[in-house]
Structures are given as structure tokens and as C-alpha cells.
């Protein structure tokens, strides 16, 4: 039996997404109440379509809300966000199991 605590996040990208959101808030790009309302609306919309388990579904909704907020506030272009998401998906799908995923793995269009 290990004395190590269980990880707070299921996957590294969940922790990274959370940290990015906190950083953007602390840098003054948006207020937490605005973020919470937007994320809550996204969760509600996603929850009507399927059950959320607090894992990937939850953080996929989180990512969607953050991407939309960044695009609306001019922090990133919607097209650039879509291209980056596609590049990460390609990298994830082409990376051998157990190896770290990097954008270098996203070869092709």
C-alpha cells in the first residue's frame, strides 16, 4: 500500500487545461464568475446530450468553453484553435501507446 495520494486529475491534459484557465484568469483575461457561468452553460448543454462522468467528457466541455471564450475575446482566432486541436488529435492518434504525445507526432494535414 502506497502513502502517495491519488492524482487529482485523471489525465495530464486535464491538469494542464485547468492550469491554463487559472493562469488566464489570474492574468486578468476574464473574471472567474464569467468563466463559471460560461462553463456551467456548456456543461448543461453537454449534459442534455449525454451523461458527464467528470473525466474526459467534463474536460472536453471545459476545453470547448475556454476555446469559445478565447475566440470571443480576441485572445486567439477560432480557426487557429481548430487547427491546433486537430494537430493534437493527429498527434494523439499517431503516437505509440505509452509514449508521450507531442506535436512533432502530428505529421500530415
N, C-alpha and C. Protein backbone atom coordinates (compact mmCIF):
# COMPACT_ATOMS: atom_id res chain seq x y z
N UNK A 1 0.85 -1.19 0.00
CA UNK A 1 0.00 0.00 0.00
C UNK A 1 0.88 1.24 0.00
N UNK A 2 0.60 2.14 -0.86
CA UNK A 2 1.40 3.35 -1.02
C UNK A 2 0.82 4.49 -0.21
N UNK A 3 1.71 5.35 0.29
CA UNK A 3 1.28 6.55 1.01
C UNK A 3 1.07 7.71 0.05
N UNK A 4 1.29 7.46 -1.23
CA UNK A 4 1.10 8.51 -2.23
C UNK A 4 -0.38 8.79 -2.42
N UNK A 5 -0.73 10.06 -2.48
CA UNK A 5 -2.14 10.38 -2.74
C UNK A 5 -2.50 10.06 -4.19
N UNK A 6 -3.75 9.77 -4.41
CA UNK A 6 -4.25 9.55 -5.77
C UNK A 6 -4.16 10.86 -6.54
N UNK A 7 -3.92 10.79 -7.85
CA UNK A 7 -3.88 12.03 -8.63
C UNK A 7 -5.23 12.73 -8.60
N UNK A 8 -5.19 14.05 -8.61
CA UNK A 8 -6.41 14.84 -8.59
C UNK A 8 -7.09 14.78 -9.95
N UNK A 9 -6.30 14.71 -11.00
CA UNK A 9 -6.82 14.69 -12.36
C UNK A 9 -6.60 13.31 -12.98
N UNK A 10 -7.55 12.87 -13.79
CA UNK A 10 -7.44 11.57 -14.46
C UNK A 10 -6.34 11.53 -15.50
N UNK A 11 -6.11 12.64 -16.18
CA UNK A 11 -5.14 12.67 -17.27
C UNK A 11 -4.33 13.97 -17.20
N UNK A 12 -3.09 13.92 -17.67
CA UNK A 12 -2.27 15.14 -17.64
C UNK A 12 -2.91 16.33 -18.35
N UNK A 13 -3.60 16.08 -19.46
CA UNK A 13 -4.18 17.21 -20.19
C UNK A 13 -5.28 17.88 -19.38
N UNK A 14 -5.95 17.15 -18.49
CA UNK A 14 -6.96 17.77 -17.62
C UNK A 14 -6.28 18.80 -16.71
N UNK A 15 -5.15 18.41 -16.11
CA UNK A 15 -4.42 19.30 -15.22
C UNK A 15 -3.88 20.50 -15.98
N UNK A 16 -3.37 20.27 -17.18
CA UNK A 16 -2.81 21.36 -17.99
C UNK A 16 -3.89 22.35 -18.39
N UNK A 17 -5.05 21.85 -18.76
CA UNK A 17 -6.16 22.72 -19.14
C UNK A 17 -6.64 23.54 -17.95
N UNK A 18 -6.74 22.91 -16.81
CA UNK A 18 -7.13 23.61 -15.59
C UNK A 18 -6.12 24.71 -15.27
N UNK A 19 -4.82 24.37 -15.33
CA UNK A 19 -3.77 25.34 -15.02
C UNK A 19 -3.79 26.51 -16.00
N UNK A 20 -4.00 26.24 -17.28
CA UNK A 20 -4.08 27.31 -18.27
C UNK A 20 -5.23 28.24 -17.96
N UNK A 21 -6.38 27.70 -17.61
CA UNK A 21 -7.55 28.51 -17.31
C UNK A 21 -7.30 29.39 -16.09
N UNK A 22 -6.71 28.81 -15.05
CA UNK A 22 -6.38 29.59 -13.84
C UNK A 22 -5.39 30.69 -14.20
N UNK A 23 -4.39 30.38 -15.01
CA UNK A 23 -3.40 31.39 -15.41
C UNK A 23 -4.06 32.54 -16.17
N UNK A 24 -4.94 32.22 -17.12
CA UNK A 24 -5.61 33.27 -17.89
C UNK A 24 -6.47 34.15 -16.98
N UNK A 25 -7.12 33.52 -16.00
CA UNK A 25 -7.91 34.28 -15.04
C UNK A 25 -7.02 35.19 -14.21
N UNK A 26 -5.94 34.63 -13.68
CA UNK A 26 -5.05 35.42 -12.83
C UNK A 26 -4.34 36.53 -13.61
N UNK A 27 -4.18 36.35 -14.91
CA UNK A 27 -3.57 37.38 -15.76
C UNK A 27 -4.57 38.47 -16.14
N UNK A 28 -5.82 38.32 -15.71
CA UNK A 28 -6.83 39.34 -15.93
C UNK A 28 -7.58 39.26 -17.25
N UNK A 29 -7.49 38.12 -17.93
CA UNK A 29 -8.17 37.98 -19.22
C UNK A 29 -9.68 37.77 -19.07
N UNK A 30 -10.10 37.28 -17.92
CA UNK A 30 -11.52 37.13 -17.62
C UNK A 30 -11.68 36.91 -16.12
N UNK A 31 -12.88 37.23 -15.64
CA UNK A 31 -13.20 37.02 -14.24
C UNK A 31 -13.72 35.60 -14.01
N UNK A 32 -13.47 35.07 -12.83
CA UNK A 32 -13.90 33.71 -12.54
C UNK A 32 -15.42 33.56 -12.59
N UNK A 33 -16.22 34.53 -12.12
CA UNK A 33 -17.67 34.38 -12.23
C UNK A 33 -18.13 34.25 -13.69
N UNK A 34 -17.53 35.03 -14.59
CA UNK A 34 -17.87 34.93 -16.01
C UNK A 34 -17.50 33.54 -16.54
N UNK A 35 -16.31 33.07 -16.16
CA UNK A 35 -15.87 31.74 -16.59
C UNK A 35 -16.83 30.67 -16.08
N UNK A 36 -17.18 30.74 -14.80
CA UNK A 36 -18.05 29.73 -14.19
C UNK A 36 -19.42 29.70 -14.87
N UNK A 37 -19.96 30.86 -15.21
CA UNK A 37 -21.26 30.91 -15.89
C UNK A 37 -21.16 30.29 -17.28
N UNK A 38 -20.11 30.63 -17.99
CA UNK A 38 -19.93 30.10 -19.35
C UNK A 38 -19.71 28.59 -19.32
N UNK A 39 -18.86 28.13 -18.43
CA UNK A 39 -18.59 26.70 -18.33
C UNK A 39 -19.84 25.95 -17.87
N UNK A 40 -20.57 26.53 -16.93
CA UNK A 40 -21.81 25.90 -16.48
C UNK A 40 -22.81 25.74 -17.61
N UNK A 41 -22.92 26.75 -18.47
CA UNK A 41 -23.83 26.66 -19.62
C UNK A 41 -23.37 25.57 -20.59
N UNK A 42 -22.06 25.45 -20.78
CA UNK A 42 -21.53 24.41 -21.66
C UNK A 42 -21.80 23.03 -21.07
N UNK A 43 -21.57 22.88 -19.78
CA UNK A 43 -21.86 21.59 -19.12
C UNK A 43 -23.34 21.24 -19.25
N UNK A 44 -24.18 22.21 -19.04
CA UNK A 44 -25.62 21.96 -19.14
C UNK A 44 -25.98 21.50 -20.54
N UNK A 45 -25.42 22.18 -21.54
CA UNK A 45 -25.70 21.80 -22.92
C UNK A 45 -25.18 20.39 -23.21
N UNK A 46 -23.98 20.09 -22.77
CA UNK A 46 -23.43 18.75 -22.99
C UNK A 46 -24.18 17.70 -22.18
N UNK A 47 -24.58 18.06 -20.97
CA UNK A 47 -25.29 17.12 -20.10
C UNK A 47 -26.63 16.71 -20.63
N UNK A 48 -27.25 17.56 -21.43
CA UNK A 48 -28.54 17.22 -22.02
C UNK A 48 -28.38 16.16 -23.10
N UNK A 49 -27.17 16.08 -23.68
CA UNK A 49 -26.92 15.13 -24.76
C UNK A 49 -26.43 13.78 -24.23
N UNK A 50 -25.69 13.79 -23.14
CA UNK A 50 -25.14 12.55 -22.59
C UNK A 50 -24.71 12.81 -21.15
N UNK A 51 -24.54 11.73 -20.39
CA UNK A 51 -24.08 11.87 -19.01
C UNK A 51 -22.62 12.28 -18.99
N UNK A 52 -22.27 13.15 -18.05
CA UNK A 52 -20.88 13.55 -17.87
C UNK A 52 -20.31 12.76 -16.70
N UNK A 53 -19.12 12.23 -16.86
CA UNK A 53 -18.54 11.40 -15.81
C UNK A 53 -17.45 12.11 -15.03
N UNK A 54 -17.21 13.38 -15.28
CA UNK A 54 -16.16 14.10 -14.58
C UNK A 54 -14.77 13.85 -15.14
N UNK A 55 -14.67 13.03 -16.16
CA UNK A 55 -13.39 12.73 -16.78
C UNK A 55 -13.24 13.48 -18.09
N UNK A 56 -13.00 12.72 -19.15
CA UNK A 56 -12.78 13.34 -20.46
C UNK A 56 -13.97 14.17 -20.92
N UNK A 57 -15.20 13.69 -20.70
CA UNK A 57 -16.38 14.46 -21.12
C UNK A 57 -16.40 15.83 -20.44
N UNK A 58 -16.10 15.85 -19.16
CA UNK A 58 -16.09 17.08 -18.38
C UNK A 58 -15.04 18.05 -18.92
N UNK A 59 -13.84 17.54 -19.15
CA UNK A 59 -12.76 18.41 -19.61
C UNK A 59 -12.86 18.74 -21.10
N UNK A 60 -13.54 17.93 -21.87
CA UNK A 60 -13.83 18.30 -23.26
C UNK A 60 -14.78 19.49 -23.27
N UNK A 61 -15.77 19.48 -22.39
CA UNK A 61 -16.68 20.62 -22.26
C UNK A 61 -15.91 21.85 -21.76
N UNK A 62 -14.98 21.64 -20.84
CA UNK A 62 -14.15 22.73 -20.31
C UNK A 62 -13.36 23.37 -21.44
N UNK A 63 -12.73 22.51 -22.26
CA UNK A 63 -11.93 22.99 -23.38
C UNK A 63 -12.79 23.77 -24.37
N UNK A 64 -13.96 23.26 -24.67
CA UNK A 64 -14.86 23.95 -25.59
C UNK A 64 -15.21 25.35 -25.06
N UNK A 65 -15.54 25.43 -23.78
CA UNK A 65 -15.90 26.73 -23.19
C UNK A 65 -14.71 27.68 -23.24
N UNK A 66 -13.51 27.18 -22.93
CA UNK A 66 -12.32 28.04 -22.94
C UNK A 66 -11.99 28.50 -24.36
N UNK A 67 -12.07 27.60 -25.32
CA UNK A 67 -11.79 27.98 -26.71
C UNK A 67 -12.76 29.06 -27.18
N UNK A 68 -14.03 28.90 -26.88
CA UNK A 68 -15.02 29.89 -27.30
C UNK A 68 -14.76 31.24 -26.63
N UNK A 69 -14.43 31.20 -25.35
CA UNK A 69 -14.16 32.45 -24.63
C UNK A 69 -12.93 33.14 -25.22
N UNK A 70 -11.88 32.38 -25.50
CA UNK A 70 -10.66 32.96 -26.06
C UNK A 70 -10.93 33.58 -27.43
N UNK A 71 -11.73 32.90 -28.25
CA UNK A 71 -12.04 33.43 -29.58
C UNK A 71 -12.89 34.69 -29.47
N UNK A 72 -13.90 34.68 -28.61
CA UNK A 72 -14.77 35.84 -28.46
C UNK A 72 -14.04 37.06 -27.94
N UNK A 73 -13.03 36.84 -27.12
CA UNK A 73 -12.29 37.96 -26.52
C UNK A 73 -11.07 38.35 -27.34
N UNK A 74 -10.90 37.73 -28.50
CA UNK A 74 -9.78 38.09 -29.36
C UNK A 74 -8.43 37.59 -28.86
N UNK A 75 -8.44 36.62 -27.96
CA UNK A 75 -7.20 36.07 -27.43
C UNK A 75 -6.60 35.04 -28.39
N UNK A 76 -7.42 34.49 -29.24
CA UNK A 76 -6.98 33.51 -30.25
C UNK A 76 -8.04 33.47 -31.33
N UNK A 77 -7.60 33.19 -32.56
CA UNK A 77 -8.55 33.07 -33.66
C UNK A 77 -9.19 31.69 -33.63
N UNK A 78 -10.48 31.64 -33.91
CA UNK A 78 -11.20 30.38 -33.88
C UNK A 78 -10.57 29.36 -34.82
N UNK A 79 -10.15 29.79 -36.01
CA UNK A 79 -9.52 28.88 -36.97
C UNK A 79 -8.21 28.33 -36.43
N UNK A 80 -7.41 29.19 -35.79
CA UNK A 80 -6.14 28.74 -35.22
C UNK A 80 -6.38 27.72 -34.10
N UNK A 81 -7.41 27.95 -33.29
CA UNK A 81 -7.75 27.00 -32.24
C UNK A 81 -8.18 25.66 -32.83
N UNK A 82 -8.98 25.70 -33.88
CA UNK A 82 -9.43 24.46 -34.54
C UNK A 82 -8.25 23.70 -35.13
N UNK A 83 -7.33 24.43 -35.75
CA UNK A 83 -6.15 23.78 -36.33
C UNK A 83 -5.26 23.16 -35.26
N UNK A 84 -5.10 23.85 -34.14
CA UNK A 84 -4.29 23.32 -33.05
C UNK A 84 -4.94 22.08 -32.45
N UNK A 85 -6.26 22.13 -32.28
CA UNK A 85 -6.97 20.96 -31.75
C UNK A 85 -6.79 19.78 -32.69
N UNK A 86 -6.90 20.01 -34.00
CA UNK A 86 -6.73 18.94 -34.99
C UNK A 86 -5.31 18.38 -34.96
N UNK A 87 -4.32 19.26 -34.79
CA UNK A 87 -2.93 18.81 -34.73
C UNK A 87 -2.70 17.92 -33.50
N UNK A 88 -3.26 18.30 -32.36
CA UNK A 88 -3.11 17.47 -31.16
C UNK A 88 -3.83 16.14 -31.33
N UNK A 89 -4.99 16.16 -31.98
CA UNK A 89 -5.70 14.90 -32.21
C UNK A 89 -4.88 13.98 -33.11
N UNK A 90 -4.31 14.52 -34.18
CA UNK A 90 -3.45 13.71 -35.05
C UNK A 90 -2.27 13.15 -34.27
N UNK A 91 -1.66 13.99 -33.44
CA UNK A 91 -0.51 13.55 -32.65
C UNK A 91 -0.92 12.42 -31.71
N UNK A 92 -2.07 12.58 -31.06
CA UNK A 92 -2.54 11.56 -30.13
C UNK A 92 -2.79 10.23 -30.85
N UNK A 93 -3.41 10.32 -32.01
CA UNK A 93 -3.78 9.11 -32.75
C UNK A 93 -2.57 8.42 -33.39
N UNK A 94 -1.48 9.13 -33.60
CA UNK A 94 -0.32 8.54 -34.26
C UNK A 94 0.82 8.21 -33.30
N UNK A 95 0.65 8.52 -32.03
CA UNK A 95 1.69 8.25 -31.04
C UNK A 95 1.55 6.82 -30.52
N UNK A 96 2.64 6.06 -30.48
CA UNK A 96 2.57 4.70 -29.93
C UNK A 96 2.09 4.72 -28.48
N UNK A 97 1.33 3.71 -28.11
CA UNK A 97 0.78 3.59 -26.76
C UNK A 97 1.91 3.69 -25.72
N UNK A 98 1.70 4.53 -24.73
CA UNK A 98 2.66 4.68 -23.65
C UNK A 98 3.70 5.75 -23.88
N UNK A 99 3.84 6.21 -25.13
CA UNK A 99 4.82 7.25 -25.43
C UNK A 99 4.18 8.62 -25.19
N UNK A 100 4.99 9.61 -24.81
CA UNK A 100 4.43 10.95 -24.64
C UNK A 100 3.95 11.53 -25.97
N UNK A 101 2.85 12.22 -25.94
CA UNK A 101 2.28 12.83 -27.14
C UNK A 101 2.90 14.20 -27.31
N UNK A 102 3.42 14.47 -28.50
CA UNK A 102 3.95 15.80 -28.82
C UNK A 102 3.43 16.21 -30.18
N UNK A 103 3.46 17.49 -30.45
CA UNK A 103 3.01 17.95 -31.76
C UNK A 103 3.94 17.49 -32.87
N UNK A 104 5.16 17.12 -32.55
CA UNK A 104 6.06 16.56 -33.55
C UNK A 104 5.48 15.30 -34.18
N UNK A 105 4.58 14.62 -33.45
CA UNK A 105 3.96 13.39 -33.93
C UNK A 105 2.82 13.66 -34.90
N UNK A 106 2.42 14.93 -35.05
CA UNK A 106 1.27 15.29 -35.88
C UNK A 106 1.73 15.55 -37.31
N UNK A 107 2.11 14.51 -37.99
CA UNK A 107 2.59 14.64 -39.38
C UNK A 107 1.39 14.59 -40.31
N UNK A 108 1.40 15.43 -41.31
CA UNK A 108 0.33 15.42 -42.31
C UNK A 108 -0.62 16.56 -42.10
N UNK A 109 -1.58 16.71 -43.05
CA UNK A 109 -2.53 17.82 -42.99
C UNK A 109 -3.56 17.62 -41.90
